[in-house]
């Protein structure tokens, strides 16, 4: 048995970008920041981790509407991809989301704008 499932709650780092594959299939990409904190030597320490999120289909259309700072719950699979970049061979990780919930009520898309298969 195998399981590849990621669940994150964080804030978007910028406006989502709509892109297309070489074959013309659209997808949406955005960054999501999560924070963790701990106490070391009596001092509070924090770390921000940035995650790349890719969304396809109707859920990708829904994700296009998010603004910088939107608080989201994102679920999906962790995937890796490799490519040659400016600094040589790169292995990048991304979340391919299949569920997104907008947690901030002041930034929610209205039910009329929301695709039927999206939880919000």
Protein backbone atom coordinates (compact mmCIF):
# COMPACT_ATOMS: atom_id res chain seq x y z
CA UNK A 1 0.00 0.00 0.00
CA UNK A 2 1.23 3.52 -0.83
CA UNK A 3 0.12 7.01 0.13
CA UNK A 4 1.30 10.33 -1.28
CA UNK A 5 -0.89 12.97 0.36
CA UNK A 6 -0.02 16.48 1.51
CA UNK A 7 -2.20 18.88 3.49
CA UNK A 8 -1.02 22.46 4.04
CA UNK A 9 -2.54 25.59 5.55
CA UNK A 10 -0.81 28.82 4.61
CA UNK A 11 -0.96 32.13 2.79
CA UNK A 12 -0.44 32.80 -0.91
CA UNK A 13 2.76 34.68 -1.66
CA UNK A 14 1.54 36.44 -4.79
CA UNK A 15 -1.06 36.43 -7.51
CA UNK A 16 -1.58 33.03 -9.20
CA UNK A 17 -0.09 32.58 -12.68
CA UNK A 18 -2.05 30.91 -15.45
CA UNK A 19 0.22 28.95 -17.79
CA UNK A 20 -0.10 26.41 -20.60
CA UNK A 21 1.66 23.19 -21.42
CA UNK A 22 3.36 22.82 -24.80
CA UNK A 23 0.13 21.13 -25.93
CA UNK A 24 -1.98 24.12 -24.87
CA UNK A 25 -3.51 22.64 -21.68
CA UNK A 26 -3.97 25.44 -19.09
CA UNK A 27 -2.92 25.19 -15.44
CA UNK A 28 -2.55 27.59 -12.54
CA UNK A 29 0.48 27.97 -10.31
CA UNK A 30 0.97 29.85 -7.04
CA UNK A 31 3.24 29.85 -4.01
CA UNK A 32 2.01 29.05 -0.51
CA UNK A 33 3.88 30.01 2.67
CA UNK A 34 3.66 27.92 5.83
CA UNK A 35 5.32 28.69 9.16
CA UNK A 36 6.61 26.59 11.98
CA UNK A 37 7.90 27.81 15.33
CA UNK A 38 9.76 26.38 18.29
CA UNK A 39 11.64 27.48 21.40
CA UNK A 40 15.44 27.22 21.44
CA UNK A 41 17.51 28.47 24.37
CA UNK A 42 14.44 30.29 25.68
CA UNK A 43 13.98 32.21 22.43
CA UNK A 44 11.14 31.74 19.98
CA UNK A 45 12.39 30.67 16.56
CA UNK A 46 10.36 30.74 13.32
CA UNK A 47 10.83 29.34 9.88
CA UNK A 48 8.81 30.05 6.75
CA UNK A 49 8.66 27.33 4.11
CA UNK A 50 7.56 28.17 0.56
CA UNK A 51 5.64 25.59 -1.45
CA UNK A 52 4.93 25.60 -5.17
CA UNK A 53 1.33 24.61 -5.92
CA UNK A 54 0.06 23.53 -9.35
CA UNK A 55 -3.65 23.20 -10.09
CA UNK A 56 -5.36 21.76 -13.20
CA UNK A 57 -8.87 21.90 -14.67
CA UNK A 58 -11.83 23.63 -13.02
CA UNK A 59 -9.98 23.81 -9.73
CA UNK A 60 -7.23 25.71 -11.56
CA UNK A 61 -9.85 28.17 -12.84
CA UNK A 62 -11.04 28.63 -9.24
CA UNK A 63 -7.45 29.23 -8.06
CA UNK A 64 -6.97 32.05 -10.60
CA UNK A 65 -9.13 34.32 -8.41
CA UNK A 66 -6.93 34.17 -5.29
CA UNK A 67 -5.14 37.34 -4.23
CA UNK A 68 -1.81 37.68 -2.48
CA UNK A 69 -2.28 36.85 1.21
CA UNK A 70 -5.26 34.51 0.76
CA UNK A 71 -5.32 31.92 3.55
CA UNK A 72 -5.84 28.48 2.03
CA UNK A 73 -6.02 24.84 2.94
CA UNK A 74 -4.43 22.91 0.06
CA UNK A 75 -4.49 19.14 -0.37
CA UNK A 76 -2.86 17.05 -3.05
CA UNK A 77 0.17 14.99 -4.05
CA UNK A 78 3.82 15.83 -3.64
CA UNK A 79 5.56 15.54 -6.99
CA UNK A 80 9.12 16.09 -8.13
CA UNK A 81 10.40 17.16 -11.51
CA UNK A 82 13.86 17.66 -12.91
CA UNK A 83 15.15 20.21 -15.38
CA UNK A 84 18.33 21.99 -16.39
CA UNK A 85 18.44 25.53 -15.01
CA UNK A 86 20.91 28.40 -14.96
CA UNK A 87 22.85 26.75 -12.12
CA UNK A 88 22.82 23.25 -13.56
CA UNK A 89 20.52 20.30 -12.99
CA UNK A 90 17.62 21.10 -10.64
CA UNK A 91 15.17 18.84 -8.82
CA UNK A 92 12.04 20.77 -7.82
CA UNK A 93 9.13 19.70 -5.66
CA UNK A 94 5.56 20.87 -6.01
CA UNK A 95 2.11 20.12 -4.65
CA UNK A 96 -0.37 19.09 -7.35
CA UNK A 97 -3.57 20.17 -5.63
CA UNK A 98 -6.89 18.39 -5.95
CA UNK A 99 -8.64 20.28 -3.12
CA UNK A 100 -8.46 23.93 -2.08
CA UNK A 101 -10.47 25.62 0.65
CA UNK A 102 -10.31 29.39 1.05
CA UNK A 103 -10.19 29.94 4.83
CA UNK A 104 -10.61 33.72 4.83
CA UNK A 105 -14.26 34.63 4.54
CA UNK A 106 -13.47 38.14 3.31
CA UNK A 107 -11.77 36.69 0.20
CA UNK A 108 -14.15 33.87 -0.67
CA UNK A 109 -15.47 33.52 -4.18
CA UNK A 110 -19.25 33.78 -4.30
CA UNK A 111 -21.15 30.49 -4.81
CA UNK A 112 -22.22 31.65 -8.29
CA UNK A 113 -18.56 31.98 -9.34
CA UNK A 114 -17.38 28.76 -7.71
CA UNK A 115 -17.11 25.58 -9.81
CA UNK A 116 -19.39 22.75 -8.65
CA UNK A 117 -16.55 20.32 -7.82
CA UNK A 118 -14.62 22.70 -5.54
CA UNK A 119 -14.86 22.71 -1.77
CA UNK A 120 -14.79 26.22 -0.31
